[in-house]
Amino acid sequence: MNSRTLPNPVDDAHSQGTFFANEAIRFMESNKSGPFFLWLAFKEPHHPYYFPVEYAGKYKPADMPLPQGSPEDDRWIPEKFRNLTDDERRGIIAAYYTSTEYLDKNVGLVLDAVKALGLEENTLVMYLSDNGYLLYDHKRFEKHTAWQEAVHQPLIVKTGKNPLGASNFNAIVEYVDIVPTILDLLQMPPLKEAQGSSFGHLLYNPDRPHKEYAFAEYLEDNMAMVSDSEWKYVFATGSRDLGIGYKTGYGPSGVVHHLYDLTTDPKESKNLAGDTAYFETLNHYQGLLLPHFPKNPSGCRCVSGGTHDGG
């Protein structure tokens, strides 16, 4: 995972992300006189944390924070991460930060072009991302979990004419809400097949309720979760060791339940599922989770996470 914080051997002008940004700008220049839809998917900062040579050395591994995790994390550490040195761990984090800065530059190129082309006031812009990497939170680096660092994803919406101006809201939304929201804001008919619901009203009234909780699931490890602003419940069958190259070496765990009090334990370090004092809470969140399975018998959305922040 680029523990040596090495750049890709290419300069910025000829790098992939910069090419994508410039192609997007050319597309907008050619279509600025009429309606258009532009979907721009950068790879960064996905593993292996790509960045061109000009960005080498921007972040020093020695300066990187190194989370400590908790003893409860130890059972779930993939074998490939156990014997890394602290220097290697910090090197991975530095590479991620560097790749993120490279991404930010390219997003900026596109947003600057929206403004320069006179499209700012009549263009809906949405920024969202893949699930984030743990970066040694919970003593792991990948993202295939239901911990907050993996399922809490960025979501920024710019309508051009939002009467509230720049604002943040703490409503719970899910990525399945994206398409209904786009159609709502563009005043187009809704899709009957859409699983989510529009959060467009939050741009005008951030205090209006949207969703009680977020749901996510990850098929590879048979894991599912529900979470609101106070509690998170995670269930996994534990029928096999962790998949796609992240096995722990301990074998299948069997059925596991995780219950976290997000108010007192935002880092999700103490599992309360086995504490009888929280039986009613556990039962409540299990009741929220179970109905999702008959609704989607053909498969799952793979940690299609919700986010607790928007703006």
C-alpha atoms as a PDB file:
ATOM      1  CA  MET A   1       0.000   0.000   0.000  1.00  0.00           C
ATOM      2  CA  ASN A   2       2.894   2.312  -0.888  1.00  0.00           C
ATOM      3  CA  SER A   3       4.541   2.292   2.541  1.00  0.00           C
ATOM      4  CA  ARG A   4       7.604   3.946   0.970  1.00  0.00           C
ATOM      5  CA  THR A   5       5.470   6.930  -0.176  1.00  0.00           C
ATOM      6  CA  LEU A   6       6.750   6.639  -3.746  1.00  0.00           C
ATOM      7  CA  PRO A   7       5.313   8.681  -6.630  1.00  0.00           C
ATOM      8  CA  ASN A   8       4.159   7.214  -9.891  1.00  0.00           C
ATOM      9  CA  PRO A   9       6.958   7.819 -12.440  1.00  0.00           C
ATOM     10  CA  VAL A  10       5.108  10.495 -14.429  1.00  0.00           C
ATOM     11  CA  ASP A  11       4.854  14.253 -14.195  1.00  0.00           C
ATOM     12  CA  ASP A  12       1.629  16.030 -13.288  1.00  0.00           C
ATOM     13  CA  ALA A  13       0.903  17.265 -16.801  1.00  0.00           C
ATOM     14  CA  HIS A  14       0.829  13.699 -18.124  1.00  0.00           C
ATOM     15  CA  SER A  15      -0.757  11.980 -15.125  1.00  0.00           C
ATOM     16  CA  GLN A  16      -4.063  10.165 -15.237  1.00  0.00           C
ATOM     17  CA  GLY A  17      -6.069  12.359 -12.869  1.00  0.00           C
ATOM     18  CA  THR A  18      -4.954  15.553 -14.578  1.00  0.00           C
ATOM     19  CA  PHE A  19      -5.877  14.037 -17.941  1.00  0.00           C
ATOM     20  CA  PHE A  20      -9.375  13.232 -16.635  1.00  0.00           C
ATOM     21  CA  ALA A  21      -9.790  16.773 -15.298  1.00  0.00           C
ATOM     22  CA  ASN A  22      -8.708  18.352 -18.562  1.00  0.00           C
ATOM     23  CA  GLU A  23     -11.004  16.090 -20.591  1.00  0.00           C
ATOM     24  CA  ALA A  24     -13.906  17.075 -18.317  1.00  0.00           C
ATOM     25  CA  ILE A  25     -13.108  20.742 -18.878  1.00  0.00           C
ATOM     26  CA  ARG A  26     -13.021  20.223 -22.658  1.00  0.00           C
ATOM     27  CA  PHE A  27     -16.395  18.505 -22.473  1.00  0.00           C
ATOM     28  CA  MET A  28     -17.922  21.432 -20.580  1.00  0.00           C
ATOM     29  CA  GLU A  29     -16.428  23.910 -23.045  1.00  0.00           C
ATOM     30  CA  SER A  30     -18.060  22.016 -25.913  1.00  0.00           C
ATOM     31  CA  ASN A  31     -21.457  21.700 -24.226  1.00  0.00           C
ATOM     32  CA  LYS A  32     -21.781  24.880 -22.193  1.00  0.00           C
ATOM     33  CA  SER A  33     -24.552  26.277 -24.365  1.00  0.00           C
ATOM     34  CA  GLY A  34     -27.039  23.531 -23.496  1.00  0.00           C
ATOM     35  CA  PRO A  35     -27.938  20.979 -20.814  1.00  0.00           C
ATOM     36  CA  PHE A  36     -25.270  18.366 -20.124  1.00  0.00           C
ATOM     37  CA  PHE A  37     -24.463  15.598 -17.661  1.00  0.00           C
ATOM     38  CA  LEU A  38     -20.845  15.013 -16.683  1.00  0.00           C
ATOM     39  CA  TRP A  39     -19.767  12.092 -14.495  1.00  0.00           C
ATOM     40  CA  LEU A  40     -16.107  12.344 -13.533  1.00  0.00           C
ATOM     41  CA  ALA A  41     -14.563   9.445 -11.593  1.00  0.00           C
ATOM     42  CA  PHE A  42     -11.060   9.973 -10.258  1.00  0.00           C
ATOM     43  CA  LYS A  43      -9.263   6.931  -8.867  1.00  0.00           C
ATOM     44  CA  GLU A  44      -7.375   8.817  -6.167  1.00  0.00           C
ATOM     45  CA  PRO A  45      -6.862   8.281  -3.308  1.00  0.00           C
ATOM     46  CA  HIS A  46      -7.557   4.612  -3.946  1.00  0.00           C
ATOM     47  CA  HIS A  47      -4.818   2.063  -3.278  1.00  0.00           C
ATOM     48  CA  PRO A  48      -1.950   2.222  -4.240  1.00  0.00           C
ATOM     49  CA  TYR A  49      -2.309   5.959  -3.478  1.00  0.00           C
ATOM     50  CA  TYR A  50      -1.144   7.305  -6.821  1.00  0.00           C
ATOM     51  CA  PHE A  51       0.427  10.751  -7.245  1.00  0.00           C
ATOM     52  CA  PRO A  52       2.867  12.256  -9.794  1.00  0.00           C
ATOM     53  CA  VAL A  53       6.501  13.120  -9.127  1.00  0.00           C
ATOM     54  CA  GLU A  54       5.859  16.797  -8.284  1.00  0.00           C
ATOM     55  CA  TYR A  55       3.977  15.692  -5.161  1.00  0.00           C
ATOM     56  CA  ALA A  56       6.735  13.502  -3.743  1.00  0.00           C
ATOM     57  CA  GLY A  57       7.756  14.531  -0.233  1.00  0.00           C
ATOM     58  CA  LYS A  58       4.754  16.779   0.447  1.00  0.00           C
ATOM     59  CA  TYR A  59       3.913  14.751   3.549  1.00  0.00           C
ATOM     60  CA  LYS A  60       6.617  13.309   5.778  1.00  0.00           C
ATOM     61  CA  PRO A  61       5.871   9.884   7.265  1.00  0.00           C
ATOM     62  CA  ALA A  62       7.400  10.965  10.583  1.00  0.00           C
ATOM     63  CA  ASP A  63       4.733  13.689  10.884  1.00  0.00           C
ATOM     64  CA  MET A  64       1.776  11.360  10.355  1.00  0.00           C
ATOM     65  CA  PRO A  65      -0.609  10.516  13.218  1.00  0.00           C
ATOM     66  CA  LEU A  66      -0.732   6.824  14.127  1.00  0.00           C
ATOM     67  CA  PRO A  67      -4.012   5.723  15.759  1.00  0.00           C
ATOM     68  CA  GLN A  68      -3.710   3.294  18.662  1.00  0.00           C
ATOM     69  CA  GLY A  69      -6.921   1.298  18.291  1.00  0.00           C
ATOM     70  CA  SER A  70      -8.153  -0.948  21.096  1.00  0.00           C
ATOM     71  CA  PRO A  71      -7.650  -4.569  22.233  1.00  0.00           C
ATOM     72  CA  GLU A  72     -10.975  -5.481  20.625  1.00  0.00           C
ATOM     73  CA  ASP A  73      -9.447  -4.756  17.211  1.00  0.00           C
ATOM     74  CA  ASP A  74      -6.814  -7.479  17.491  1.00  0.00           C
ATOM     75  CA  ARG A  75      -9.079 -10.363  16.444  1.00  0.00           C
ATOM     76  CA  TRP A  76      -9.828  -8.667  13.121  1.00  0.00           C
ATOM     77  CA  ILE A  77      -6.375  -7.531  11.957  1.00  0.00           C
ATOM     78  CA  PRO A  78      -5.552  -9.028   8.527  1.00  0.00           C
ATOM     79  CA  GLU A  79      -2.333 -11.026   8.478  1.00  0.00           C
ATOM     80  CA  LYS A  80      -0.777  -8.692   5.906  1.00  0.00           C
ATOM     81  CA  PHE A  81      -0.914  -5.745   8.354  1.00  0.00           C
ATOM     82  CA  ARG A  82       0.338  -7.420  11.534  1.00  0.00           C
ATOM     83  CA  ASN A  83       4.072  -7.229  10.959  1.00  0.00           C
ATOM     84  CA  LEU A  84       4.313  -3.723   9.530  1.00  0.00           C
ATOM     85  CA  THR A  85       6.678  -1.381  11.336  1.00  0.00           C
ATOM     86  CA  ASP A  86       5.441   1.978  12.608  1.00  0.00           C
ATOM     87  CA  ASP A  87       7.556   3.635   9.902  1.00  0.00           C
ATOM     88  CA  GLU A  88       5.785   1.596   7.222  1.00  0.00           C
ATOM     89  CA  ARG A  89       2.393   2.418   8.726  1.00  0.00           C
ATOM     90  CA  ARG A  90       3.164   6.119   8.727  1.00  0.00           C
ATOM     91  CA  GLY A  91       4.489   5.833   5.177  1.00  0.00           C
ATOM     92  CA  ILE A  92       1.157   4.397   4.005  1.00  0.00           C
ATOM     93  CA  ILE A  93      -0.730   7.238   5.676  1.00  0.00           C
ATOM     94  CA  ALA A  94       1.604   9.848   4.142  1.00  0.00           C
ATOM     95  CA  ALA A  95       1.048   8.326   0.685  1.00  0.00           C
ATOM     96  CA  TYR A  96      -2.726   8.521   1.186  1.00  0.00           C
ATOM     97  CA  TYR A  97      -2.532  12.179   2.251  1.00  0.00           C
ATOM     98  CA  THR A  98      -0.361  12.980  -0.779  1.00  0.00           C
ATOM     99  CA  SER A  99      -2.717  11.225  -3.174  1.00  0.00           C
ATOM    100  CA  THR A 100      -5.633  13.120  -1.629  1.00  0.00           C
ATOM    101  CA  GLU A 101      -3.899  16.462  -2.224  1.00  0.00           C
ATOM    102  CA  TYR A 102      -3.320  15.500  -5.852  1.00  0.00           C
ATOM    103  CA  LEU A 103      -7.026  14.666  -6.164  1.00  0.00           C
ATOM    104  CA  ASP A 104      -7.968  17.968  -4.560  1.00  0.00           C
ATOM    105  CA  LYS A 105      -5.933  19.856  -7.149  1.00  0.00           C
ATOM    106  CA  ASN A 106      -7.758  18.153 -10.007  1.00  0.00           C
ATOM    107  CA  VAL A 107     -11.190  18.697  -8.479  1.00  0.00           C
ATOM    108  CA  GLY A 108     -10.204  22.350  -8.169  1.00  0.00           C
ATOM    109  CA  LEU A 109      -9.352  22.536 -11.882  1.00  0.00           C
ATOM    110  CA  VAL A 110     -12.849  21.372 -12.767  1.00  0.00           C
ATOM    111  CA  LEU A 111     -14.633  23.671 -10.304  1.00  0.00           C
ATOM    112  CA  ASP A 112     -12.572  26.638 -11.483  1.00  0.00           C
ATOM    113  CA  ALA A 113     -13.627  25.844 -15.045  1.00  0.00           C
ATOM    114  CA  VAL A 114     -17.311  25.715 -14.050  1.00  0.00           C
ATOM    115  CA  LYS A 115     -16.940  29.269 -12.766  1.00  0.00           C
ATOM    116  CA  ALA A 116     -14.803  30.513 -15.659  1.00  0.00           C
ATOM    117  CA  LEU A 117     -17.316  29.196 -18.202  1.00  0.00           C
ATOM    118  CA  GLY A 118     -20.171  31.062 -16.536  1.00  0.00           C
ATOM    119  CA  LEU A 119     -21.894  27.836 -15.454  1.00  0.00           C
ATOM    120  CA  GLU A 120     -21.718  28.312 -11.693  1.00  0.00           C
ATOM    121  CA  GLU A 121     -25.226  29.666 -11.152  1.00  0.00           C
ATOM    122  CA  ASN A 122     -27.110  27.065 -13.183  1.00  0.00           C
ATOM    123  CA  THR A 123     -25.110  23.874 -12.630  1.00  0.00           C
ATOM    124  CA  LEU A 124     -25.762  21.249  -9.978  1.00  0.00           C
ATOM    125  CA  VAL A 125     -22.454  19.916  -8.656  1.00  0.00           C
ATOM    126  CA  MET A 126     -22.184  16.877  -6.379  1.00  0.00           C
ATOM    127  CA  TYR A 127     -18.987  15.584  -4.836  1.00  0.00           C
ATOM    128  CA  LEU A 128     -19.001  12.094  -3.341  1.00  0.00           C
ATOM    129  CA  SER A 129     -16.506   9.297  -2.956  1.00  0.00           C
ATOM    130  CA  ASP A 130     -15.879   5.621  -2.477  1.00  0.00           C
ATOM    131  CA  ASN A 131     -15.611   4.314   1.081  1.00  0.00           C
ATOM    132  CA  GLY A 132     -12.620   5.668   2.972  1.00  0.00           C
ATOM    133  CA  TYR A 133      -9.594   3.715   4.167  1.00  0.00           C
ATOM    134  CA  LEU A 134      -9.096   3.045   7.870  1.00  0.00           C
ATOM    135  CA  LEU A 135      -5.469   4.280   7.812  1.00  0.00           C
ATOM    136  CA  TYR A 136      -4.661   2.212  10.916  1.00  0.00           C
ATOM    137  CA  ASP A 137      -7.817   3.104  12.784  1.00  0.00           C
ATOM    138  CA  HIS A 138      -8.779  -0.238  14.359  1.00  0.00           C
ATOM    139  CA  LYS A 139      -5.228  -1.360  13.448  1.00  0.00           C
ATOM    140  CA  ARG A 140      -6.185  -1.904   9.804  1.00  0.00           C
ATOM    141  CA  PHE A 141      -5.686  -0.042   6.541  1.00  0.00           C
ATOM    142  CA  GLU A 142      -8.361  -1.270   4.143  1.00  0.00           C
ATOM    143  CA  LYS A 143     -12.012  -0.219   4.092  1.00  0.00           C
ATOM    144  CA  HIS A 144     -14.066  -3.423   4.116  1.00  0.00           C
ATOM    145  CA  THR A 145     -15.652  -2.878   7.501  1.00  0.00           C
ATOM    146  CA  ALA A 146     -18.632  -1.137   9.085  1.00  0.00           C
ATOM    147  CA  TRP A 147     -16.587   1.125  11.350  1.00  0.00           C
ATOM    148  CA  GLN A 148     -17.232   4.830  11.011  1.00  0.00           C
ATOM    149  CA  GLU A 149     -13.995   5.624   9.192  1.00  0.00           C
ATOM    150  CA  ALA A 150     -15.070   3.277   6.375  1.00  0.00           C
ATOM    151  CA  VAL A 151     -18.780   4.089   6.019  1.00  0.00           C
ATOM    152  CA  HIS A 152     -18.827   7.822   6.782  1.00  0.00           C
ATOM    153  CA  GLN A 153     -18.334   9.254   3.311  1.00  0.00           C
ATOM    154  CA  PRO A 154     -17.939  12.774   1.901  1.00  0.00           C
ATOM    155  CA  LEU A 155     -20.957  14.435   0.347  1.00  0.00           C
ATOM    156  CA  ILE A 156     -20.924  18.021  -0.904  1.00  0.00           C
ATOM    157  CA  VAL A 157     -23.759  19.543  -2.942  1.00  0.00           C
ATOM    158  CA  LYS A 158     -23.606  22.875  -4.759  1.00  0.00           C
ATOM    159  CA  THR A 159     -26.787  24.063  -6.438  1.00  0.00           C
ATOM    160  CA  GLY A 160     -25.593  27.506  -7.471  1.00  0.00           C
ATOM    161  CA  LYS A 161     -28.682  29.137  -6.005  1.00  0.00           C
ATOM    162  CA  ASN A 162     -29.031  27.576  -2.564  1.00  0.00           C
ATOM    163  CA  PRO A 163     -30.889  30.185  -0.474  1.00  0.00           C
ATOM    164  CA  LEU A 164     -29.014  29.072   2.648  1.00  0.00           C
ATOM    165  CA  GLY A 165     -25.650  29.709   1.065  1.00  0.00           C
ATOM    166  CA  ALA A 166     -22.769  27.576   2.335  1.00  0.00           C
ATOM    167  CA  SER A 167     -24.034  25.386   5.153  1.00  0.00           C
ATOM    168  CA  ASN A 168     -23.526  22.058   6.847  1.00  0.00           C
ATOM    169  CA  PHE A 169     -26.225  19.753   8.106  1.00  0.00           C
ATOM    170  CA  ASN A 170     -26.082  16.667  10.280  1.00  0.00           C
ATOM    171  CA  ALA A 171     -28.946  14.706   8.772  1.00  0.00           C
ATOM    172  CA  ILE A 172     -28.413  11.036   8.025  1.00  0.00           C
ATOM    173  CA  VAL A 173     -28.377  10.379   4.295  1.00  0.00           C
ATOM    174  CA  GLU A 174     -27.341   7.404   2.162  1.00  0.00           C
ATOM    175  CA  TYR A 175     -25.790   7.171  -1.269  1.00  0.00           C
ATOM    176  CA  VAL A 176     -28.950   5.457  -2.537  1.00  0.00           C
ATOM    177  CA  ASP A 177     -30.474   8.926  -2.021  1.00  0.00           C
ATOM    178  CA  ILE A 178     -28.223  10.512  -4.659  1.00  0.00           C
ATOM    179  CA  VAL A 179     -30.251   9.754  -7.799  1.00  0.00           C
ATOM    180  CA  PRO A 180     -33.609  10.727  -6.233  1.00  0.00           C
ATOM    181  CA  THR A 181     -32.018  13.982  -5.043  1.00  0.00           C
ATOM    182  CA  ILE A 182     -30.609  14.853  -8.467  1.00  0.00           C
ATOM    183  CA  LEU A 183     -33.977  14.254 -10.103  1.00  0.00           C
ATOM    184  CA  ASP A 184     -35.722  16.274  -7.400  1.00  0.00           C
ATOM    185  CA  LEU A 185     -33.406  19.280  -7.694  1.00  0.00           C
ATOM    186  CA  LEU A 186     -33.687  19.205 -11.484  1.00  0.00           C
ATOM    187  CA  GLN A 187     -37.475  18.970 -11.186  1.00  0.00           C
ATOM    188  CA  MET A 188     -37.602  15.713 -13.121  1.00  0.00           C
ATOM    189  CA  PRO A 189     -39.960  12.766 -12.514  1.00  0.00           C
ATOM    190  CA  PRO A 190     -38.772  10.328  -9.828  1.00  0.00           C
ATOM    191  CA  LEU A 191     -37.630   6.792 -10.625  1.00  0.00           C
ATOM    192  CA  LYS A 192     -39.937   4.112  -9.294  1.00  0.00           C
ATOM    193  CA  GLU A 193     -36.968   1.719  -9.038  1.00  0.00           C
ATOM    194  CA  ALA A 194     -34.961   4.018  -6.758  1.00  0.00           C
ATOM    195  CA  GLN A 195     -34.368   2.639  -3.270  1.00  0.00           C
ATOM    196  CA  GLY A 196     -33.472   5.981  -1.695  1.00  0.00           C
ATOM    197  CA  SER A 197     -35.304   9.253  -1.181  1.00  0.00           C
ATOM    198  CA  SER A 198     -34.423  12.839  -2.021  1.00  0.00           C
ATOM    199  CA  PHE A 199     -32.646  14.942   0.584  1.00  0.00           C
ATOM    200  CA  GLY A 200     -33.083  18.077  -1.539  1.00  0.00           C
ATOM    201  CA  HIS A 201     -35.274  19.645   1.119  1.00  0.00           C
ATOM    202  CA  LEU A 202     -32.283  19.751   3.487  1.00  0.00           C
ATOM    203  CA  LEU A 203     -30.666  22.386   1.273  1.00  0.00           C
ATOM    204  CA  TYR A 204     -33.558  24.689   2.136  1.00  0.00           C
ATOM    205  CA  ASN A 205     -34.495  23.452   5.605  1.00  0.00           C
ATOM    206  CA  PRO A 206     -31.606  21.559   7.276  1.00  0.00           C
ATOM    207  CA  ASP A 207     -33.659  20.950  10.440  1.00  0.00           C
ATOM    208  CA  ARG A 208     -36.336  18.979   8.612  1.00  0.00           C
ATOM    209  CA  PRO A 209     -36.156  15.196   9.311  1.00  0.00           C
ATOM    210  CA  HIS A 210     -34.873  12.926   6.565  1.00  0.00           C
ATOM    211  CA  LYS A 211     -33.956   9.402   7.726  1.00  0.00           C
ATOM    212  CA  GLU A 212     -33.982   7.709  11.110  1.00  0.00           C
ATOM    213  CA  TYR A 213     -30.896   5.626  10.405  1.00  0.00           C
ATOM    214  CA  ALA A 214     -28.442   4.507   7.721  1.00  0.00           C
ATOM    215  CA  PHE A 215     -28.155   0.941   6.457  1.00  0.00           C
ATOM    216  CA  ALA A 216     -25.117  -0.653   4.802  1.00  0.00           C
ATOM    217  CA  GLU A 217     -23.908  -4.150   3.999  1.00  0.00           C
ATOM    218  CA  TYR A 218     -20.772  -5.835   2.707  1.00  0.00           C
ATOM    219  CA  LEU A 219     -21.397  -9.117   0.898  1.00  0.00           C
ATOM    220  CA  GLU A 220     -17.841 -10.479   0.891  1.00  0.00           C
ATOM    221  CA  ASP A 221     -17.757 -10.773   4.682  1.00  0.00           C
ATOM    222  CA  ASN A 222     -21.528 -11.273   5.173  1.00  0.00           C
ATOM    223  CA  MET A 223     -21.711  -8.074   7.207  1.00  0.00           C
ATOM    224  CA  ALA A 224     -24.542  -5.571   7.651  1.00  0.00           C
ATOM    225  CA  MET A 225     -25.140  -2.550   9.879  1.00  0.00           C
ATOM    226  CA  VAL A 226     -27.643   0.062  10.913  1.00  0.00           C
ATOM    227  CA  SER A 227     -26.602   3.331  12.513  1.00  0.00           C
ATOM    228  CA  ASP A 228     -28.210   6.520  13.713  1.00  0.00           C
ATOM    229  CA  SER A 229     -26.558   9.468  15.441  1.00  0.00           C
ATOM    230  CA  GLU A 230     -26.436   7.648  18.804  1.00  0.00           C
ATOM    231  CA  TRP A 231     -25.942   3.920  18.186  1.00  0.00           C
ATOM    232  CA  LYS A 232     -24.513   1.504  15.644  1.00  0.00           C
ATOM    233  CA  TYR A 233     -25.335  -2.184  15.372  1.00  0.00           C
ATOM    234  CA  VAL A 234     -23.279  -4.518  13.161  1.00  0.00           C
ATOM    235  CA  PHE A 235     -24.049  -8.158  12.390  1.00  0.00           C
ATOM    236  CA  ALA A 236     -21.829 -10.657  10.568  1.00  0.00           C
ATOM    237  CA  THR A 237     -22.314 -14.367  10.000  1.00  0.00           C
ATOM    238  CA  GLY A 238     -18.592 -15.038  10.467  1.00  0.00           C
ATOM    239  CA  SER A 239     -18.995 -18.070   8.206  1.00  0.00           C
ATOM    240  CA  ARG A 240     -15.560 -17.553   6.653  1.00  0.00           C
ATOM    241  CA  ASP A 241     -12.360 -15.639   7.283  1.00  0.00           C
ATOM    242  CA  LEU A 242     -12.138 -12.105   5.889  1.00  0.00           C
ATOM    243  CA  GLY A 243     -12.178 -12.108   2.106  1.00  0.00           C
ATOM    244  CA  ILE A 244     -10.422 -10.615  -0.963  1.00  0.00           C
ATOM    245  CA  GLY A 245      -6.926 -10.994   0.434  1.00  0.00           C
ATOM    246  CA  TYR A 246      -7.513  -9.708   3.949  1.00  0.00           C
ATOM    247  CA  LYS A 247      -7.758 -12.984   5.872  1.00  0.00           C
ATOM    248  CA  THR A 248      -6.890 -12.830   9.541  1.00  0.00           C
ATOM    249  CA  GLY A 249      -5.523 -16.368   9.673  1.00  0.00           C
ATOM    250  CA  TYR A 250      -7.732 -17.139  12.655  1.00  0.00           C
ATOM    251  CA  GLY A 251     -10.407 -18.796  10.520  1.00  0.00           C
ATOM    252  CA  PRO A 252     -14.160 -18.148  10.611  1.00  0.00           C
ATOM    253  CA  SER A 253     -15.285 -16.294  13.722  1.00  0.00           C
ATOM    254  CA  GLY A 254     -18.863 -17.514  13.789  1.00  0.00           C
ATOM    255  CA  VAL A 255     -21.781 -15.126  14.270  1.00  0.00           C
ATOM    256  CA  VAL A 256     -20.729 -11.782  15.731  1.00  0.00           C
ATOM    257  CA  HIS A 257     -22.714  -8.812  16.983  1.00  0.00           C
ATOM    258  CA  HIS A 258     -21.276  -5.343  17.593  1.00  0.00           C
ATOM    259  CA  LEU A 259     -23.122  -2.569  19.397  1.00  0.00           C
ATOM    260  CA  TYR A 260     -21.486   0.828  19.867  1.00  0.00           C
ATOM    261  CA  ASP A 261     -22.624   3.859  21.836  1.00  0.00           C
ATOM    262  CA  LEU A 262     -21.559   6.604  19.425  1.00  0.00           C
ATOM    263  CA  THR A 263     -22.217   9.339  21.975  1.00  0.00           C
ATOM    264  CA  THR A 264     -19.700   8.105  24.546  1.00  0.00           C
ATOM    265  CA  ASP A 265     -17.542   5.967  22.256  1.00  0.00           C
ATOM    266  CA  PRO A 266     -17.284   7.662  18.827  1.00  0.00           C
ATOM    267  CA  LYS A 267     -14.155   5.631  17.965  1.00  0.00           C
ATOM    268  CA  GLU A 268     -16.171   2.410  18.364  1.00  0.00           C
ATOM    269  CA  SER A 269     -13.666   0.823  20.709  1.00  0.00           C
ATOM    270  CA  LYS A 270     -16.009  -0.942  23.166  1.00  0.00           C
ATOM    271  CA  ASN A 271     -18.489  -3.545  21.928  1.00  0.00           C
ATOM    272  CA  LEU A 272     -21.554  -3.538  24.178  1.00  0.00           C
ATOM    273  CA  ALA A 273     -23.421  -6.347  22.423  1.00  0.00           C
ATOM    274  CA  GLY A 274     -22.586  -8.882  25.137  1.00  0.00           C
ATOM    275  CA  ASP A 275     -23.612  -6.632  28.032  1.00  0.00           C
ATOM    276  CA  THR A 276     -27.080  -7.573  29.335  1.00  0.00           C
ATOM    277  CA  ALA A 277     -27.637  -3.945  30.370  1.00  0.00           C
ATOM    278  CA  TYR A 278     -27.959  -3.105  26.650  1.00  0.00           C
ATOM    279  CA  PHE A 279     -30.224  -5.990  25.656  1.00  0.00           C
ATOM    280  CA  GLU A 280     -33.183  -3.757  24.816  1.00  0.00           C
ATOM    281  CA  THR A 281     -30.998  -1.436  22.742  1.00  0.00           C
ATOM    282  CA  LEU A 282     -29.513  -4.393  20.878  1.00  0.00           C
ATOM    283  CA  ASN A 283     -32.960  -5.819  20.241  1.00  0.00           C
ATOM    284  CA  HIS A 284     -34.212  -2.473  18.899  1.00  0.00           C
ATOM    285  CA  TYR A 285     -31.435  -2.121  16.334  1.00  0.00           C
ATOM    286  CA  GLN A 286     -31.695  -5.754  15.297  1.00  0.00           C
ATOM    287  CA  GLY A 287     -35.351  -4.995  14.624  1.00  0.00           C
ATOM    288  CA  LEU A 288     -34.295  -2.172  12.295  1.00  0.00           C
ATOM    289  CA  LEU A 289     -31.779  -4.342  10.457  1.00  0.00           C
ATOM    290  CA  LEU A 290     -33.693  -7.559   9.850  1.00  0.00           C
ATOM    291  CA  PRO A 291     -36.426  -6.187   7.541  1.00  0.00           C
ATOM    292  CA  HIS A 292     -33.786  -5.132   5.001  1.00  0.00           C
ATOM    293  CA  PHE A 293     -32.965  -8.701   4.013  1.00  0.00           C
ATOM    294  CA  PRO A 294     -36.343  -9.794   2.585  1.00  0.00           C
ATOM    295  CA  LYS A 295     -36.482  -6.465   0.726  1.00  0.00           C
ATOM    296  CA  ASN A 296     -33.301  -7.274  -1.194  1.00  0.00           C
ATOM    297  CA  PRO A 297     -33.180 -11.061  -1.680  1.00  0.00           C
ATOM    298  CA  SER A 298     -31.002 -10.976  -4.797  1.00  0.00           C
ATOM    299  CA  GLY A 299     -27.871  -9.654  -3.146  1.00  0.00           C
ATOM    300  CA  CYS A 300     -26.480  -6.629  -1.376  1.00  0.00           C
ATOM    301  CA  ARG A 301     -25.123  -3.194  -2.076  1.00  0.00           C
ATOM    302  CA  CYS A 302     -21.699  -3.802  -0.546  1.00  0.00           C
ATOM    303  CA  VAL A 303     -21.133  -1.270   2.219  1.00  0.00           C
ATOM    304  CA  SER A 304     -23.091   1.316   0.284  1.00  0.00           C
ATOM    305  CA  GLY A 305     -22.580   3.541   3.255  1.00  0.00           C
ATOM    306  CA  GLY A 306     -24.544   6.414   4.589  1.00  0.00           C
ATOM    307  CA  THR A 307     -22.970   9.597   5.774  1.00  0.00           C
ATOM    308  CA  HIS A 308     -23.912  11.699   8.780  1.00  0.00           C
ATOM    309  CA  ASP A 309     -22.731  14.928   7.194  1.00  0.00           C
ATOM    310  CA  GLY A 310     -23.767  16.826   4.117  1.00  0.00           C
ATOM    311  CA  GLY A 311     -23.585  20.333   2.889  1.00  0.00           C
END
